[in-house]
Amino acid sequence: VQPLLLAIVLKLHGHELAIYENGTFLAGFNALDFMRLSKAQATFDVQYCSVEGVRSEVFERLAHAFAQKVKDRRPVLLDVVTELSQFAARLPEYTRKARGLAPPSTAVRDALLTATEPATLLFQTLPKACGHESFALAKPAEASAATDFVRSLTEAINDLQTAYQKLL
């Protein structure tokens, strides 16, 4: 792929493209990452991430809760995943290793810290971590199920945010 063409595509559609380096999702993609990509393309993968159809109900609620910083366009899958990934990266060391958290909070923390694929994280791993059924591609999500999941996820996130303060 031509570096200039790739740079243009990333600039225009970067919010819809998940970029992986050696299988690890990059929440941000800067100039140094681009330099590495242009020199070692084989170590990078790009995945188009879009939410359409039956999972839209769930995504709308997730975007409302976790992609509030997006103002100039409709939020996309990676806006939510990036926000959650950055939250997990900022967790204090105590919270990353704490065993005394509520089981859903522990499962959410572990899911965020080990996630490798954005759509799987949002529609399968995190719902299961919160004690809900995963959201299948073939079956439309009930509005109440989507609301309950986002509420449970928000509670787990709040628990993770305050765990270190509670310790102190």
Foldseek 3Di string as FASTA:
>chain_A
DDLVVVVVCCVVCVLQKFKDFQLATDLDADPVNSVVCVVCVVRMDIDGFFDDDQCVLLVVLLCVVAQPVDDPDDHGLSSSLSSLLVLLVPQPPCLLPPPPFDQLLVQLSVLSVPPRDRVCSRFCRNCVSLVHHGRDPVDHDDNVSSVVSSVSSVVSSVSSVCVVVVVD
